[in-house]
Protein backbone atom coordinates (compact mmCIF):
# COMPACT_ATOMS: atom_id res chain seq x y z
CA MET A 1 0.00 0.00 0.00
CA ALA A 2 1.29 3.47 -0.90
CA SER A 3 2.45 5.79 1.84
CA HIS A 4 0.98 9.26 2.18
CA GLU A 5 4.48 10.69 2.39
CA VAL A 6 5.94 12.24 -0.74
CA GLN A 7 9.63 11.82 -1.43
CA ASP A 8 11.53 14.85 -2.72
CA VAL A 9 14.04 13.61 -5.29
CA ASP A 10 16.95 15.37 -6.98
CA PRO A 11 17.42 15.13 -10.76
CA ASP A 12 19.69 12.06 -10.56
CA GLN A 13 17.19 10.24 -8.35
CA ALA A 14 14.41 11.32 -10.71
CA ARG A 15 16.26 9.74 -13.65
CA GLN A 16 16.51 6.50 -11.68
CA LEU A 17 12.76 6.54 -11.03
CA ILE A 18 12.03 7.23 -14.69
CA ASP A 19 14.34 4.36 -15.69
CA ALA A 20 12.44 2.15 -13.23
CA GLY A 21 9.14 2.89 -15.01
CA TRP A 22 7.75 5.86 -13.11
CA ARG A 23 5.52 8.13 -15.19
CA VAL A 24 6.39 11.84 -15.27
CA ILE A 25 3.47 14.24 -14.81
CA ASP A 26 4.20 17.91 -15.58
CA VAL A 27 1.69 20.19 -13.83
CA ARG A 28 2.85 23.51 -15.28
CA THR A 29 0.79 25.79 -17.48
CA ASP A 30 0.38 25.29 -21.23
CA ALA A 31 2.85 28.12 -21.92
CA GLU A 32 5.47 26.67 -19.56
CA TRP A 33 5.04 23.22 -21.12
CA ALA A 34 5.50 24.68 -24.61
CA ASP A 35 8.80 26.27 -23.50
CA GLY A 36 10.26 22.84 -22.70
CA HIS A 37 9.60 19.65 -20.72
CA LEU A 38 11.11 16.30 -19.83
CA SER A 39 11.04 13.94 -22.78
CA GLY A 40 8.27 11.39 -22.36
CA SER A 41 6.44 13.37 -19.71
CA PHE A 42 2.69 13.87 -19.69
CA HIS A 43 1.17 17.34 -19.42
CA VAL A 44 -1.59 17.56 -16.82
CA PRO A 45 -1.92 21.22 -15.75
CA MET A 46 -2.35 21.65 -12.00
CA ASP A 47 -5.90 22.95 -12.36
CA GLN A 48 -6.87 19.81 -14.32
CA VAL A 49 -5.29 17.13 -12.14
CA VAL A 50 -8.50 15.98 -10.44
CA GLU A 51 -10.25 15.50 -13.80
CA GLU A 52 -7.34 14.27 -15.92
CA ILE A 53 -5.06 12.14 -13.71
CA GLY A 54 -7.12 8.94 -13.92
CA GLY A 55 -5.39 7.64 -17.04
CA HIS A 56 -2.00 7.76 -15.33
CA LEU A 57 -2.67 5.90 -12.10
CA ASP A 58 -1.35 2.56 -13.34
CA HIS A 59 2.21 3.78 -12.65
CA PRO A 60 3.94 5.47 -9.73
CA LEU A 61 4.11 9.19 -10.55
CA LEU A 62 6.99 11.66 -10.54
CA VAL A 63 5.39 15.10 -10.44
CA VAL A 64 7.23 18.07 -11.98
CA CYS A 65 6.73 21.83 -12.18
CA ALA A 66 9.11 24.75 -12.66
CA SER A 67 10.66 24.83 -9.20
CA GLY A 68 8.98 22.11 -7.11
CA GLY A 69 6.25 23.98 -5.23
CA ARG A 70 3.19 23.24 -7.33
CA SER A 71 4.34 19.71 -8.02
CA MET A 72 4.76 19.05 -4.30
CA ARG A 73 1.17 20.14 -3.64
CA VAL A 74 -0.11 17.87 -6.42
CA ALA A 75 2.08 14.98 -5.25
CA GLN A 76 0.75 15.38 -1.69
CA TYR A 77 -2.83 15.35 -3.01
CA LEU A 78 -2.15 12.21 -5.05
CA ALA A 79 -0.38 10.50 -2.13
CA ALA A 80 -3.43 11.20 0.04
CA GLN A 81 -5.46 9.32 -2.60
CA GLY A 82 -3.13 6.33 -2.22
CA VAL A 83 -0.98 6.97 -5.30
CA GLU A 84 2.77 6.33 -5.08
CA THR A 85 4.34 9.70 -5.88
CA ALA A 86 7.59 11.63 -5.78
CA ASN A 87 8.34 15.31 -6.34
CA LEU A 88 11.22 16.63 -8.44
CA ASP A 89 12.89 18.96 -5.92
CA GLY A 90 13.79 22.17 -7.72
CA GLY A 91 11.58 21.23 -10.64
CA LEU A 92 12.54 21.70 -14.25
CA HIS A 93 15.02 24.40 -13.21
CA ALA A 94 17.03 21.82 -11.23
CA TRP A 95 16.73 19.28 -14.05
CA GLU A 96 18.20 21.73 -16.56
CA ALA A 97 20.86 22.95 -14.10
CA ALA A 98 22.00 19.32 -13.78
CA GLY A 99 22.60 19.31 -17.54
CA LEU A 100 19.76 16.88 -18.25
CA PRO A 101 17.86 17.06 -21.55
CA VAL A 102 14.70 19.06 -22.09
CA GLU A 103 12.45 18.54 -25.09
CA ARG A 104 11.44 21.76 -26.82
């Protein structure tokens, strides 16, 4: 059974989760998404999570935003629903700062 605690992960840990089959959910706005996102991630804007997340619940979820604040709130909500989640600490900014690829 999933814990209600959300793990904050750094970009290297996030890559390990992705390699292990975790699905990446990007909760930023449409404009932010269009500026760049993790390859293979799914765009579910924060204000649409309740309605749109259902199709992604067959995987543990790594939640991403620009800096980690919005994604942490979404990850906490999902964890409270029993979903296994992690938050990318520092968000896409940390991912890019670590030299990891962004799809544009």
